Each structure stands twice: as structure tokens, then as C-alpha cells.
Amino acid sequence: MRGEAVGIERLVEQAKLDEKQGNKNRAIERYESALRLIAEPLNNLAWLYHDAGRDKEAVALATLATQFAPNSTEFADTLRKARARERR
């Protein structure tokens, strides 16, 4: 986990530098990469909330995870399951 935190921190610092240098497209890419690193722990916590019957919280976190990593079928599955049970 510590390695991911350093990776996120590094990406954000590089993105800030890119912004200052006027390379906004590269900054966007780096910020998006940082968000994808955050998506997995969001999804994992969402699943644990779902498992504990805390589906409102699970839906909120799983929604963020799928926004940060829209191509992840695993994250979409967590969101789908939490939403289904929340509606009951």
C-alpha cells in the first residue's frame, strides 16, 4: 500500500509540474493515472461495506471506483450488486 501512495504522490507532483510548464494534456494523463490507482481501494472497501450490509455506503464508493476506472468489469460488478441489494 505504501508503494501505491508514493506512486500517487509522484504522479500528482509530476502533473503539477506539467501544468506549470503548460503541458496540460500530459497533466491530465497523470491525474487520470493517479485516480485509477485510487479506484481499487475504493472498490475493495465498497465490497466490504456491501458484505456488511452497508449498501448505501458501498454504492457511493463503488460509483467513484467505476468513474475512476470505467473499463473495470470487477468494479462495475461491485456497483451492480450493491445497488441491487440497496433497492430491496
Protein backbone atom coordinates (compact mmCIF):
# COMPACT_ATOMS: atom_id res chain seq x y z
CA MET A 1 0.00 0.00 0.00
CA ARG A 2 2.82 2.39 0.81
CA GLY A 3 4.20 1.93 -2.71
CA GLU A 4 0.86 2.95 -4.20
CA ALA A 5 0.72 6.05 -2.04
CA VAL A 6 4.17 7.07 -3.21
CA GLY A 7 3.13 6.35 -6.79
CA ILE A 8 0.06 8.54 -6.47
CA GLU A 9 2.04 11.29 -4.80
CA ARG A 10 4.67 11.14 -7.54
CA LEU A 11 2.04 11.26 -10.30
CA VAL A 12 0.34 14.28 -8.72
CA GLU A 13 3.64 16.14 -8.33
CA GLN A 14 4.56 15.39 -11.94
CA ALA A 15 1.12 16.53 -13.09
CA LYS A 16 1.51 19.81 -11.21
CA LEU A 17 4.87 20.35 -12.89
CA ASP A 18 3.35 19.55 -16.28
CA GLU A 19 0.65 22.14 -15.62
CA LYS A 20 3.22 24.80 -14.71
CA GLN A 21 5.12 24.01 -17.88
CA GLY A 22 1.94 24.39 -19.94
CA ASN A 23 1.64 20.69 -20.82
CA LYS A 24 -1.97 20.34 -19.78
CA ASN A 25 -2.65 17.18 -21.79
CA ARG A 26 0.19 15.35 -20.04
CA ALA A 27 -1.03 16.67 -16.68
CA ILE A 28 -4.49 15.27 -17.41
CA GLU A 29 -2.98 11.87 -18.23
CA ARG A 30 -1.03 11.81 -14.97
CA TYR A 31 -4.03 12.85 -12.86
CA GLU A 32 -6.14 10.16 -14.56
CA SER A 33 -3.46 7.58 -13.79
CA ALA A 34 -3.47 8.63 -10.14
CA LEU A 35 -7.25 8.23 -9.98
CA ARG A 36 -7.02 4.71 -11.41
CA LEU A 37 -4.67 3.80 -8.55
CA ILE A 38 -7.26 5.06 -6.08
CA ALA A 39 -10.07 3.08 -7.74
CA GLU A 40 -9.01 -0.34 -6.44
CA PRO A 41 -9.03 0.51 -2.72
CA LEU A 42 -12.34 2.33 -3.22
CA ASN A 43 -13.82 -0.78 -4.80
CA ASN A 44 -12.39 -3.10 -2.17
CA LEU A 45 -13.84 -1.01 0.64
CA ALA A 46 -17.16 -0.83 -1.23
CA TRP A 47 -17.24 -4.62 -1.39
CA LEU A 48 -16.57 -4.90 2.34
CA TYR A 49 -19.37 -2.40 3.03
CA HIS A 50 -21.68 -4.41 0.78
CA ASP A 51 -20.72 -7.61 2.57
CA ALA A 52 -21.53 -5.90 5.90
CA GLY A 53 -24.95 -4.77 4.64
CA ARG A 54 -23.88 -1.13 4.35
CA ASP A 55 -25.04 -0.84 0.76
CA LYS A 56 -25.68 2.91 0.69
CA GLU A 57 -22.01 3.48 1.50
CA ALA A 58 -20.99 0.69 -0.85
CA VAL A 59 -22.86 2.29 -3.74
CA ALA A 60 -21.20 5.65 -3.12
CA LEU A 61 -17.68 4.19 -3.14
CA ALA A 62 -18.31 1.75 -5.98
CA THR A 63 -19.70 4.60 -8.07
CA LEU A 64 -16.47 6.54 -7.61
CA ALA A 65 -14.38 3.46 -8.39
CA THR A 66 -16.24 2.89 -11.65
CA GLN A 67 -15.87 6.55 -12.58
CA PHE A 68 -12.12 6.41 -11.99
CA ALA A 69 -11.75 3.06 -13.82
CA PRO A 70 -14.72 2.80 -16.20
CA ASN A 71 -13.36 -0.26 -18.02
CA SER A 72 -13.19 -2.44 -14.92
CA THR A 73 -15.82 -5.17 -15.02
CA GLU A 74 -14.95 -6.09 -11.43
CA PHE A 75 -15.77 -2.60 -10.18
CA ALA A 76 -18.96 -2.48 -12.22
CA ASP A 77 -19.98 -5.81 -10.67
CA THR A 78 -19.49 -4.45 -7.15
CA LEU A 79 -21.65 -1.45 -8.01
CA ARG A 80 -24.35 -3.59 -9.59
CA LYS A 81 -24.57 -5.92 -6.59
CA ALA A 82 -24.62 -3.11 -4.04
CA ARG A 83 -27.29 -1.22 -5.97
CA ALA A 84 -29.45 -4.33 -6.32
CA ARG A 85 -29.48 -5.02 -2.61
CA GLU A 86 -29.85 -1.34 -1.67
CA ARG A 87 -33.11 -1.20 -3.68
CA ARG A 88 -34.67 -4.07 -1.72
